[in-house]
Amino acid sequence: VTGAVVEFTSVQGIMGSYYAKAAGETDAVARAIADHYRPRFSGDDVPAERVGCIVAIADKLDTICGLFAIGQGPTGSSDPFALRRSALGIVTMLLSDKGLDISLGAAIDVALASYAAQGIEFDAAAVRADVVDFFITRTKVMAKDEGAAPDAIDAVLAVSVEEPVVFMQRVRALVAAREQQAETFDDLATAYARANNLRDEKLGTNVDESLLGDEERALLDAVAAAEGKVAEHLAGNEYAAALAELANLRAPIDAFFDGVMVMDENEAIRENRLRLLNRFVAVFKDVADFGKMAKK
């Protein structure tokens, strides 16, 4: 109304907070308006309070989803609506200490549904997939900027994580675990890659225990113990604990490969060993693809 923001674009939000306060709004509302556009660039502060974060996320996500719905997402180096910056801002806020327990996937669904309700026609499934991929790509850049190893990033990407917060938490946990137990995780990655290459999904995971030798039984026992614990830790977003359980598989899988000829001439024994490897690999499927971290 006053034209102040037209003349001084750097005060957008700030001017609004002044007017809101003068109009009798609460301090919380005025602060949220002041922080509406934050973070404005990489490294900028996030809104000071949860209310400001929620407003900023809603606005940015509405813009991203609307432009993708009408085919105006970024292409190559062209990003006229600064959607990449908006996406990084959203991820930064979700990762902040503001207690934002928000599913980005669910929020995207709501945003796209609001456009569909207004009569805008688009392929909801395709646009949703594009928006999710857009956010994960931005989060991948953020992880690289933090110094995460490319193979750790690829290992987490391989298990189709679509929530940026979950993606970053898993990458950080994997990087930390490998730094703390470098030899264990290098050997485990090598063993996983070998098992993954040998496994035969068509055979399933039902192992005949009557055909097992000592090394095979030890591996089966370790896998059985890890399965429930890994699932429990993942359900509680305890990624470091899940990785610790996987690290416990290093010794039995090494002993298995040292003492067992997987491709035995006896078909029953061979297929049973492949089922055991199928079950071993399956423990990792929701955590990370350790094969991505195996030394070539």
C-alpha atoms as a PDB file:
ATOM      1  CA  VAL A   1       0.000   0.000   0.000  1.00  0.00           C
ATOM      2  CA  THR A   2       2.765   2.458   0.894  1.00  0.00           C
ATOM      3  CA  GLY A   3       5.079   1.387  -1.914  1.00  0.00           C
ATOM      4  CA  ALA A   4       7.960   1.004   0.564  1.00  0.00           C
ATOM      5  CA  VAL A   5       8.773  -2.549  -0.520  1.00  0.00           C
ATOM      6  CA  VAL A   6       8.710  -1.557  -4.177  1.00  0.00           C
ATOM      7  CA  GLU A   7      11.436   0.989  -3.457  1.00  0.00           C
ATOM      8  CA  PHE A   8      13.317  -1.055  -0.849  1.00  0.00           C
ATOM      9  CA  THR A   9      12.857  -4.743  -1.601  1.00  0.00           C
ATOM     10  CA  SER A  10      15.253  -5.768   1.173  1.00  0.00           C
ATOM     11  CA  VAL A  11      12.642  -4.746   3.760  1.00  0.00           C
ATOM     12  CA  GLN A  12       9.902  -7.100   2.565  1.00  0.00           C
ATOM     13  CA  GLY A  13       8.499  -8.807   5.615  1.00  0.00           C
ATOM     14  CA  ILE A  14      10.136  -6.275   7.913  1.00  0.00           C
ATOM     15  CA  MET A  15       7.755  -3.508   6.825  1.00  0.00           C
ATOM     16  CA  GLY A  16       4.858  -5.910   7.226  1.00  0.00           C
ATOM     17  CA  SER A  17       5.907  -6.684  10.778  1.00  0.00           C
ATOM     18  CA  TYR A  18       5.896  -2.983  11.639  1.00  0.00           C
ATOM     19  CA  TYR A  19       2.435  -2.505  10.183  1.00  0.00           C
ATOM     20  CA  ALA A  20       1.136  -5.649  11.901  1.00  0.00           C
ATOM     21  CA  LYS A  21       2.400  -4.461  15.276  1.00  0.00           C
ATOM     22  CA  ALA A  22       0.938  -0.984  14.723  1.00  0.00           C
ATOM     23  CA  ALA A  23      -2.379  -2.600  13.786  1.00  0.00           C
ATOM     24  CA  GLY A  24      -2.518  -4.422  17.115  1.00  0.00           C
ATOM     25  CA  GLU A  25      -1.242  -7.873  16.140  1.00  0.00           C
ATOM     26  CA  THR A  26       0.703  -9.911  18.710  1.00  0.00           C
ATOM     27  CA  ASP A  27       4.486  -9.982  18.875  1.00  0.00           C
ATOM     28  CA  ALA A  28       4.418 -13.605  17.617  1.00  0.00           C
ATOM     29  CA  VAL A  29       2.460 -12.627  14.496  1.00  0.00           C
ATOM     30  CA  ALA A  30       4.684  -9.607  13.848  1.00  0.00           C
ATOM     31  CA  ARG A  31       7.852 -11.728  14.157  1.00  0.00           C
ATOM     32  CA  ALA A  32       6.422 -14.389  11.842  1.00  0.00           C
ATOM     33  CA  ILE A  33       5.692 -11.733   9.210  1.00  0.00           C
ATOM     34  CA  ALA A  34       9.215 -10.324   9.584  1.00  0.00           C
ATOM     35  CA  ASP A  35      10.670 -13.808   9.061  1.00  0.00           C
ATOM     36  CA  HIS A  36       8.285 -14.786   6.255  1.00  0.00           C
ATOM     37  CA  TYR A  37      10.970 -14.737   3.537  1.00  0.00           C
ATOM     38  CA  ARG A  38      13.767 -16.372   5.523  1.00  0.00           C
ATOM     39  CA  PRO A  39      16.104 -17.990   4.836  1.00  0.00           C
ATOM     40  CA  ARG A  40      16.691 -15.614   1.929  1.00  0.00           C
ATOM     41  CA  PHE A  41      19.975 -17.179   0.821  1.00  0.00           C
ATOM     42  CA  SER A  42      22.314 -20.026   1.739  1.00  0.00           C
ATOM     43  CA  GLY A  43      23.582 -19.526   5.266  1.00  0.00           C
ATOM     44  CA  ASP A  44      20.866 -17.025   6.177  1.00  0.00           C
ATOM     45  CA  ASP A  45      19.112 -17.395   9.542  1.00  0.00           C
ATOM     46  CA  VAL A  46      15.909 -19.413   9.650  1.00  0.00           C
ATOM     47  CA  PRO A  47      12.821 -17.805  11.225  1.00  0.00           C
ATOM     48  CA  ALA A  48      13.259 -17.295  14.953  1.00  0.00           C
ATOM     49  CA  GLU A  49      10.146 -19.251  15.949  1.00  0.00           C
ATOM     50  CA  ARG A  50       8.107 -22.245  14.783  1.00  0.00           C
ATOM     51  CA  VAL A  51       5.229 -20.041  13.592  1.00  0.00           C
ATOM     52  CA  GLY A  52       7.564 -18.148  11.243  1.00  0.00           C
ATOM     53  CA  CYS A  53       9.041 -21.418   9.943  1.00  0.00           C
ATOM     54  CA  ILE A  54       5.585 -22.867   9.244  1.00  0.00           C
ATOM     55  CA  VAL A  55       4.481 -19.762   7.334  1.00  0.00           C
ATOM     56  CA  ALA A  56       7.739 -19.637   5.367  1.00  0.00           C
ATOM     57  CA  ILE A  57       7.585 -23.343   4.495  1.00  0.00           C
ATOM     58  CA  ALA A  58       3.926 -23.137   3.454  1.00  0.00           C
ATOM     59  CA  ASP A  59       4.536 -20.161   1.166  1.00  0.00           C
ATOM     60  CA  LYS A  60       7.665 -21.588  -0.456  1.00  0.00           C
ATOM     61  CA  LEU A  61       6.149 -25.035  -0.923  1.00  0.00           C
ATOM     62  CA  ASP A  62       2.948 -23.583  -2.393  1.00  0.00           C
ATOM     63  CA  THR A  63       5.025 -21.694  -4.963  1.00  0.00           C
ATOM     64  CA  ILE A  64       7.183 -24.712  -5.848  1.00  0.00           C
ATOM     65  CA  CYS A  65       4.224 -27.078  -6.255  1.00  0.00           C
ATOM     66  CA  GLY A  66       2.172 -24.541  -8.222  1.00  0.00           C
ATOM     67  CA  LEU A  67       4.950 -23.818 -10.710  1.00  0.00           C
ATOM     68  CA  PHE A  68       5.773 -27.494 -11.182  1.00  0.00           C
ATOM     69  CA  ALA A  69       2.057 -28.187 -11.743  1.00  0.00           C
ATOM     70  CA  ILE A  70       1.988 -25.764 -14.693  1.00  0.00           C
ATOM     71  CA  GLY A  71       5.296 -26.990 -16.109  1.00  0.00           C
ATOM     72  CA  GLN A  72       7.417 -24.075 -14.952  1.00  0.00           C
ATOM     73  CA  GLY A  73       9.975 -25.894 -12.825  1.00  0.00           C
ATOM     74  CA  PRO A  74      13.689 -25.068 -13.203  1.00  0.00           C
ATOM     75  CA  THR A  75      15.439 -26.342 -16.319  1.00  0.00           C
ATOM     76  CA  GLY A  76      19.211 -26.572 -16.573  1.00  0.00           C
ATOM     77  CA  SER A  77      20.708 -23.349 -15.271  1.00  0.00           C
ATOM     78  CA  SER A  78      17.412 -21.484 -15.684  1.00  0.00           C
ATOM     79  CA  ASP A  79      15.544 -20.872 -12.430  1.00  0.00           C
ATOM     80  CA  PRO A  80      13.687 -17.557 -12.872  1.00  0.00           C
ATOM     81  CA  PHE A  81      11.510 -18.045  -9.788  1.00  0.00           C
ATOM     82  CA  ALA A  82      14.437 -19.080  -7.521  1.00  0.00           C
ATOM     83  CA  LEU A  83      12.782 -22.406  -6.713  1.00  0.00           C
ATOM     84  CA  ARG A  84      16.105 -24.068  -5.903  1.00  0.00           C
ATOM     85  CA  ARG A  85      16.763 -21.444  -3.248  1.00  0.00           C
ATOM     86  CA  SER A  86      13.248 -21.929  -1.875  1.00  0.00           C
ATOM     87  CA  ALA A  87      13.713 -25.701  -1.696  1.00  0.00           C
ATOM     88  CA  LEU A  88      17.024 -25.367   0.148  1.00  0.00           C
ATOM     89  CA  GLY A  89      15.337 -22.928   2.517  1.00  0.00           C
ATOM     90  CA  ILE A  90      12.578 -25.433   3.269  1.00  0.00           C
ATOM     91  CA  VAL A  91      15.048 -28.256   3.916  1.00  0.00           C
ATOM     92  CA  THR A  92      17.154 -25.986   6.127  1.00  0.00           C
ATOM     93  CA  MET A  93      14.082 -25.125   8.221  1.00  0.00           C
ATOM     94  CA  LEU A  94      13.014 -28.770   8.484  1.00  0.00           C
ATOM     95  CA  LEU A  95      16.509 -29.635   9.729  1.00  0.00           C
ATOM     96  CA  SER A  96      16.566 -26.760  12.216  1.00  0.00           C
ATOM     97  CA  ASP A  97      15.957 -27.006  15.952  1.00  0.00           C
ATOM     98  CA  LYS A  98      12.432 -25.556  15.746  1.00  0.00           C
ATOM     99  CA  GLY A  99      10.715 -28.882  16.407  1.00  0.00           C
ATOM    100  CA  LEU A 100       9.075 -29.145  12.993  1.00  0.00           C
ATOM    101  CA  ASP A 101       7.779 -32.700  12.813  1.00  0.00           C
ATOM    102  CA  ILE A 102       6.513 -32.308   9.258  1.00  0.00           C
ATOM    103  CA  SER A 103       6.362 -34.878   6.469  1.00  0.00           C
ATOM    104  CA  LEU A 104       7.394 -33.047   3.324  1.00  0.00           C
ATOM    105  CA  GLY A 105       5.750 -35.751   1.208  1.00  0.00           C
ATOM    106  CA  ALA A 106       2.400 -35.217   2.954  1.00  0.00           C
ATOM    107  CA  ALA A 107       2.754 -31.437   2.643  1.00  0.00           C
ATOM    108  CA  ILE A 108       3.418 -31.779  -1.102  1.00  0.00           C
ATOM    109  CA  ASP A 109       0.254 -33.860  -1.441  1.00  0.00           C
ATOM    110  CA  VAL A 110      -1.801 -31.163   0.291  1.00  0.00           C
ATOM    111  CA  ALA A 111      -0.271 -28.387  -1.822  1.00  0.00           C
ATOM    112  CA  LEU A 112      -0.944 -30.198  -5.101  1.00  0.00           C
ATOM    113  CA  ALA A 113      -4.472 -31.124  -4.013  1.00  0.00           C
ATOM    114  CA  SER A 114      -5.239 -27.460  -3.412  1.00  0.00           C
ATOM    115  CA  TYR A 115      -4.302 -26.623  -7.008  1.00  0.00           C
ATOM    116  CA  ALA A 116      -6.337 -29.538  -8.366  1.00  0.00           C
ATOM    117  CA  ALA A 117      -9.321 -28.296  -6.346  1.00  0.00           C
ATOM    118  CA  GLN A 118      -9.004 -24.933  -8.097  1.00  0.00           C
ATOM    119  CA  GLY A 119      -9.428 -26.613 -11.466  1.00  0.00           C
ATOM    120  CA  ILE A 120      -5.807 -26.676 -12.622  1.00  0.00           C
ATOM    121  CA  GLU A 121      -5.231 -29.819 -14.673  1.00  0.00           C
ATOM    122  CA  PHE A 122      -2.000 -31.775 -14.266  1.00  0.00           C
ATOM    123  CA  ASP A 123      -0.762 -35.320 -13.757  1.00  0.00           C
ATOM    124  CA  ALA A 124      -0.653 -35.377  -9.951  1.00  0.00           C
ATOM    125  CA  ALA A 125       1.507 -38.503  -9.662  1.00  0.00           C
ATOM    126  CA  ALA A 126       4.057 -37.271 -12.199  1.00  0.00           C
ATOM    127  CA  VAL A 127       4.253 -33.778 -10.717  1.00  0.00           C
ATOM    128  CA  ARG A 128       4.569 -35.185  -7.207  1.00  0.00           C
ATOM    129  CA  ALA A 129       7.448 -37.420  -8.312  1.00  0.00           C
ATOM    130  CA  ASP A 130       9.164 -34.425  -9.948  1.00  0.00           C
ATOM    131  CA  VAL A 131       8.777 -32.262  -6.839  1.00  0.00           C
ATOM    132  CA  VAL A 132      10.062 -35.011  -4.521  1.00  0.00           C
ATOM    133  CA  ASP A 133      13.051 -35.621  -6.813  1.00  0.00           C
ATOM    134  CA  PHE A 134      13.666 -31.864  -6.933  1.00  0.00           C
ATOM    135  CA  PHE A 135      13.888 -31.717  -3.134  1.00  0.00           C
ATOM    136  CA  ILE A 136      16.094 -34.801  -2.855  1.00  0.00           C
ATOM    137  CA  THR A 137      18.448 -33.381  -5.489  1.00  0.00           C
ATOM    138  CA  ARG A 138      18.726 -30.150  -3.509  1.00  0.00           C
ATOM    139  CA  THR A 139      19.298 -32.105  -0.312  1.00  0.00           C
ATOM    140  CA  LYS A 140      22.016 -34.105  -2.039  1.00  0.00           C
ATOM    141  CA  VAL A 141      23.770 -30.818  -2.835  1.00  0.00           C
ATOM    142  CA  MET A 142      23.435 -29.803   0.810  1.00  0.00           C
ATOM    143  CA  ALA A 143      24.978 -33.096   1.953  1.00  0.00           C
ATOM    144  CA  LYS A 144      27.911 -32.627  -0.441  1.00  0.00           C
ATOM    145  CA  ASP A 145      28.419 -29.093   0.848  1.00  0.00           C
ATOM    146  CA  GLU A 146      28.617 -30.535   4.375  1.00  0.00           C
ATOM    147  CA  GLY A 147      31.459 -32.747   3.204  1.00  0.00           C
ATOM    148  CA  ALA A 148      29.632 -36.092   2.998  1.00  0.00           C
ATOM    149  CA  ALA A 149      31.370 -38.619   0.760  1.00  0.00           C
ATOM    150  CA  PRO A 150      29.645 -39.144  -2.612  1.00  0.00           C
ATOM    151  CA  ASP A 151      29.455 -42.918  -2.099  1.00  0.00           C
ATOM    152  CA  ALA A 152      27.687 -42.492   1.258  1.00  0.00           C
ATOM    153  CA  ILE A 153      25.175 -40.174  -0.407  1.00  0.00           C
ATOM    154  CA  ASP A 154      24.630 -42.660  -3.234  1.00  0.00           C
ATOM    155  CA  ALA A 155      24.214 -45.519  -0.742  1.00  0.00           C
ATOM    156  CA  VAL A 156      21.313 -43.730   0.944  1.00  0.00           C
ATOM    157  CA  LEU A 157      19.811 -42.520  -2.341  1.00  0.00           C
ATOM    158  CA  ALA A 158      19.686 -46.132  -3.549  1.00  0.00           C
ATOM    159  CA  VAL A 159      17.030 -47.072  -0.975  1.00  0.00           C
ATOM    160  CA  SER A 160      14.568 -44.462  -2.295  1.00  0.00           C
ATOM    161  CA  VAL A 161      14.302 -42.137   0.705  1.00  0.00           C
ATOM    162  CA  GLU A 162      11.943 -39.278  -0.195  1.00  0.00           C
ATOM    163  CA  GLU A 163      11.969 -37.234   3.019  1.00  0.00           C
ATOM    164  CA  PRO A 164      14.916 -34.752   3.007  1.00  0.00           C
ATOM    165  CA  VAL A 165      15.242 -34.831   6.799  1.00  0.00           C
ATOM    166  CA  VAL A 166      15.445 -38.633   6.809  1.00  0.00           C
ATOM    167  CA  PHE A 167      17.917 -38.525   3.929  1.00  0.00           C
ATOM    168  CA  MET A 168      20.228 -36.093   5.748  1.00  0.00           C
ATOM    169  CA  GLN A 169      19.982 -37.965   9.044  1.00  0.00           C
ATOM    170  CA  ARG A 170      20.902 -41.242   7.353  1.00  0.00           C
ATOM    171  CA  VAL A 171      23.803 -39.747   5.414  1.00  0.00           C
ATOM    172  CA  ARG A 172      25.174 -38.074   8.540  1.00  0.00           C
ATOM    173  CA  ALA A 173      24.834 -41.286  10.555  1.00  0.00           C
ATOM    174  CA  LEU A 174      26.517 -43.336   7.827  1.00  0.00           C
ATOM    175  CA  VAL A 175      29.401 -40.875   7.476  1.00  0.00           C
ATOM    176  CA  ALA A 176      29.923 -40.801  11.255  1.00  0.00           C
ATOM    177  CA  ALA A 177      29.754 -44.584  11.587  1.00  0.00           C
ATOM    178  CA  ARG A 178      32.286 -45.127   8.833  1.00  0.00           C
ATOM    179  CA  GLU A 179      34.635 -42.539  10.329  1.00  0.00           C
ATOM    180  CA  GLN A 180      34.445 -44.252  13.715  1.00  0.00           C
ATOM    181  CA  GLN A 181      34.821 -47.820  12.372  1.00  0.00           C
ATOM    182  CA  ALA A 182      36.507 -47.390   9.002  1.00  0.00           C
ATOM    183  CA  GLU A 183      37.843 -50.949   8.670  1.00  0.00           C
ATOM    184  CA  THR A 184      34.575 -52.543   9.793  1.00  0.00           C
ATOM    185  CA  PHE A 185      32.449 -50.622   7.323  1.00  0.00           C
ATOM    186  CA  ASP A 186      34.902 -51.008   4.434  1.00  0.00           C
ATOM    187  CA  ASP A 187      34.944 -54.793   4.939  1.00  0.00           C
ATOM    188  CA  LEU A 188      31.183 -54.910   5.436  1.00  0.00           C
ATOM    189  CA  ALA A 189      30.641 -52.957   2.216  1.00  0.00           C
ATOM    190  CA  THR A 190      32.877 -55.377   0.319  1.00  0.00           C
ATOM    191  CA  ALA A 191      31.077 -58.402   1.765  1.00  0.00           C
ATOM    192  CA  TYR A 192      27.686 -56.868   1.040  1.00  0.00           C
ATOM    193  CA  ALA A 193      28.648 -56.183  -2.584  1.00  0.00           C
ATOM    194  CA  ARG A 194      29.806 -59.800  -2.967  1.00  0.00           C
ATOM    195  CA  ALA A 195      26.622 -61.161  -1.398  1.00  0.00           C
ATOM    196  CA  ASN A 196      24.471 -58.848  -3.484  1.00  0.00           C
ATOM    197  CA  ASN A 197      26.162 -60.015  -6.673  1.00  0.00           C
ATOM    198  CA  LEU A 198      25.695 -63.692  -5.808  1.00  0.00           C
ATOM    199  CA  ARG A 199      22.135 -63.613  -4.470  1.00  0.00           C
ATOM    200  CA  ASP A 200      19.209 -64.936  -6.466  1.00  0.00           C
ATOM    201  CA  GLU A 201      15.922 -63.223  -5.588  1.00  0.00           C
ATOM    202  CA  LYS A 202      13.866 -65.956  -7.259  1.00  0.00           C
ATOM    203  CA  LEU A 203      14.902 -68.387  -4.528  1.00  0.00           C
ATOM    204  CA  GLY A 204      13.442 -66.321  -1.685  1.00  0.00           C
ATOM    205  CA  THR A 205      14.774 -66.247   1.892  1.00  0.00           C
ATOM    206  CA  ASN A 206      13.451 -69.464   3.471  1.00  0.00           C
ATOM    207  CA  VAL A 207      16.625 -71.179   4.651  1.00  0.00           C
ATOM    208  CA  ASP A 208      16.645 -74.920   5.385  1.00  0.00           C
ATOM    209  CA  GLU A 209      18.527 -75.083   8.686  1.00  0.00           C
ATOM    210  CA  SER A 210      19.146 -78.815   8.340  1.00  0.00           C
ATOM    211  CA  LEU A 211      21.595 -78.097   5.507  1.00  0.00           C
ATOM    212  CA  LEU A 212      23.661 -75.515   7.386  1.00  0.00           C
ATOM    213  CA  GLY A 213      27.280 -75.828   8.474  1.00  0.00           C
ATOM    214  CA  ASP A 214      28.794 -73.905  11.389  1.00  0.00           C
ATOM    215  CA  GLU A 215      29.621 -70.699   9.475  1.00  0.00           C
ATOM    216  CA  GLU A 216      26.235 -70.701   7.784  1.00  0.00           C
ATOM    217  CA  ARG A 217      24.366 -71.170  11.051  1.00  0.00           C
ATOM    218  CA  ALA A 218      26.376 -68.404  12.721  1.00  0.00           C
ATOM    219  CA  LEU A 219      25.483 -66.041   9.870  1.00  0.00           C
ATOM    220  CA  LEU A 220      21.812 -67.017   9.992  1.00  0.00           C
ATOM    221  CA  ASP A 221      21.695 -66.421  13.752  1.00  0.00           C
ATOM    222  CA  ALA A 222      23.346 -63.011  13.352  1.00  0.00           C
ATOM    223  CA  VAL A 223      20.971 -62.019  10.546  1.00  0.00           C
ATOM    224  CA  ALA A 224      17.936 -63.159  12.522  1.00  0.00           C
ATOM    225  CA  ALA A 225      19.075 -61.110  15.518  1.00  0.00           C
ATOM    226  CA  ALA A 226      19.714 -58.021  13.367  1.00  0.00           C
ATOM    227  CA  GLU A 227      16.447 -58.080  11.413  1.00  0.00           C
ATOM    228  CA  GLY A 228      14.106 -57.101  14.217  1.00  0.00           C
ATOM    229  CA  LYS A 229      16.533 -54.671  15.832  1.00  0.00           C
ATOM    230  CA  VAL A 230      17.269 -52.818  12.577  1.00  0.00           C
ATOM    231  CA  ALA A 231      13.559 -52.483  11.815  1.00  0.00           C
ATOM    232  CA  GLU A 232      12.905 -51.237  15.353  1.00  0.00           C
ATOM    233  CA  HIS A 233      15.674 -48.630  15.160  1.00  0.00           C
ATOM    234  CA  LEU A 234      14.511 -47.401  11.758  1.00  0.00           C
ATOM    235  CA  ALA A 235      10.958 -47.022  13.052  1.00  0.00           C
ATOM    236  CA  GLY A 236      12.343 -44.811  15.813  1.00  0.00           C
ATOM    237  CA  ASN A 237      14.583 -42.816  13.433  1.00  0.00           C
ATOM    238  CA  GLU A 238      17.610 -44.199  15.291  1.00  0.00           C
ATOM    239  CA  TYR A 239      19.902 -44.522  12.290  1.00  0.00           C
ATOM    240  CA  ALA A 240      23.187 -44.729  14.195  1.00  0.00           C
ATOM    241  CA  ALA A 241      21.795 -47.640  16.211  1.00  0.00           C
ATOM    242  CA  ALA A 242      20.598 -49.377  13.037  1.00  0.00           C
ATOM    243  CA  LEU A 243      24.077 -49.048  11.537  1.00  0.00           C
ATOM    244  CA  ALA A 244      25.614 -50.443  14.709  1.00  0.00           C
ATOM    245  CA  GLU A 245      23.454 -53.551  14.309  1.00  0.00           C
ATOM    246  CA  LEU A 246      24.609 -53.923  10.706  1.00  0.00           C
ATOM    247  CA  ALA A 247      28.223 -53.581  11.807  1.00  0.00           C
ATOM    248  CA  ASN A 248      27.722 -56.679  13.964  1.00  0.00           C
ATOM    249  CA  LEU A 249      27.232 -58.687  10.760  1.00  0.00           C
ATOM    250  CA  ARG A 250      30.765 -58.035   9.573  1.00  0.00           C
ATOM    251  CA  ALA A 251      32.418 -60.934  11.461  1.00  0.00           C
ATOM    252  CA  PRO A 252      29.862 -63.645  10.566  1.00  0.00           C
ATOM    253  CA  ILE A 253      29.691 -62.668   6.877  1.00  0.00           C
ATOM    254  CA  ASP A 254      33.511 -62.639   6.665  1.00  0.00           C
ATOM    255  CA  ALA A 255      33.639 -66.089   8.286  1.00  0.00           C
ATOM    256  CA  PHE A 256      30.945 -67.316   5.913  1.00  0.00           C
ATOM    257  CA  PHE A 257      32.843 -66.292   2.796  1.00  0.00           C
ATOM    258  CA  ASP A 258      36.153 -67.577   4.216  1.00  0.00           C
ATOM    259  CA  GLY A 259      34.775 -71.004   5.126  1.00  0.00           C
ATOM    260  CA  VAL A 260      31.999 -71.714   2.617  1.00  0.00           C
ATOM    261  CA  MET A 261      31.924 -72.400  -1.109  1.00  0.00           C
ATOM    262  CA  VAL A 262      28.648 -70.711  -2.037  1.00  0.00           C
ATOM    263  CA  MET A 263      28.319 -72.261  -5.497  1.00  0.00           C
ATOM    264  CA  ASP A 264      28.468 -75.853  -4.289  1.00  0.00           C
ATOM    265  CA  GLU A 265      27.964 -78.638  -6.824  1.00  0.00           C
ATOM    266  CA  ASN A 266      25.016 -79.929  -4.788  1.00  0.00           C
ATOM    267  CA  GLU A 267      22.030 -77.922  -6.019  1.00  0.00           C
ATOM    268  CA  ALA A 268      20.131 -78.066  -2.712  1.00  0.00           C
ATOM    269  CA  ILE A 269      23.122 -76.823  -0.723  1.00  0.00           C
ATOM    270  CA  ARG A 270      23.955 -74.155  -3.315  1.00  0.00           C
ATOM    271  CA  GLU A 271      20.413 -72.779  -3.401  1.00  0.00           C
ATOM    272  CA  ASN A 272      20.153 -72.844   0.387  1.00  0.00           C
ATOM    273  CA  ARG A 273      23.324 -70.764   0.666  1.00  0.00           C
ATOM    274  CA  LEU A 274      21.962 -68.304  -1.876  1.00  0.00           C
ATOM    275  CA  ARG A 275      18.762 -68.005   0.168  1.00  0.00           C
ATOM    276  CA  LEU A 276      20.905 -67.200   3.180  1.00  0.00           C
ATOM    277  CA  LEU A 277      22.652 -64.457   1.212  1.00  0.00           C
ATOM    278  CA  ASN A 278      19.257 -63.162   0.072  1.00  0.00           C
ATOM    279  CA  ARG A 279      18.249 -62.848   3.701  1.00  0.00           C
ATOM    280  CA  PHE A 280      21.545 -61.169   4.623  1.00  0.00           C
ATOM    281  CA  VAL A 281      21.149 -58.554   1.887  1.00  0.00           C
ATOM    282  CA  ALA A 282      17.508 -57.929   2.840  1.00  0.00           C
ATOM    283  CA  VAL A 283      18.551 -56.653   6.275  1.00  0.00           C
ATOM    284  CA  PHE A 284      20.225 -53.681   4.565  1.00  0.00           C
ATOM    285  CA  LYS A 285      17.453 -52.828   2.109  1.00  0.00           C
ATOM    286  CA  ASP A 286      15.810 -50.049   4.150  1.00  0.00           C
ATOM    287  CA  VAL A 287      19.044 -48.563   5.500  1.00  0.00           C
ATOM    288  CA  ALA A 288      21.510 -48.077   2.648  1.00  0.00           C
ATOM    289  CA  ASP A 289      23.005 -49.896  -0.344  1.00  0.00           C
ATOM    290  CA  PHE A 290      26.397 -50.752   1.097  1.00  0.00           C
ATOM    291  CA  GLY A 291      27.498 -51.979  -2.313  1.00  0.00           C
ATOM    292  CA  LYS A 292      27.814 -48.330  -3.349  1.00  0.00           C
ATOM    293  CA  MET A 293      30.587 -47.962  -0.771  1.00  0.00           C
ATOM    294  CA  ALA A 294      32.593 -51.030  -1.763  1.00  0.00           C
ATOM    295  CA  LYS A 295      36.076 -50.318  -3.027  1.00  0.00           C
ATOM    296  CA  LYS A 296      36.341 -51.049  -6.729  1.00  0.00           C
END
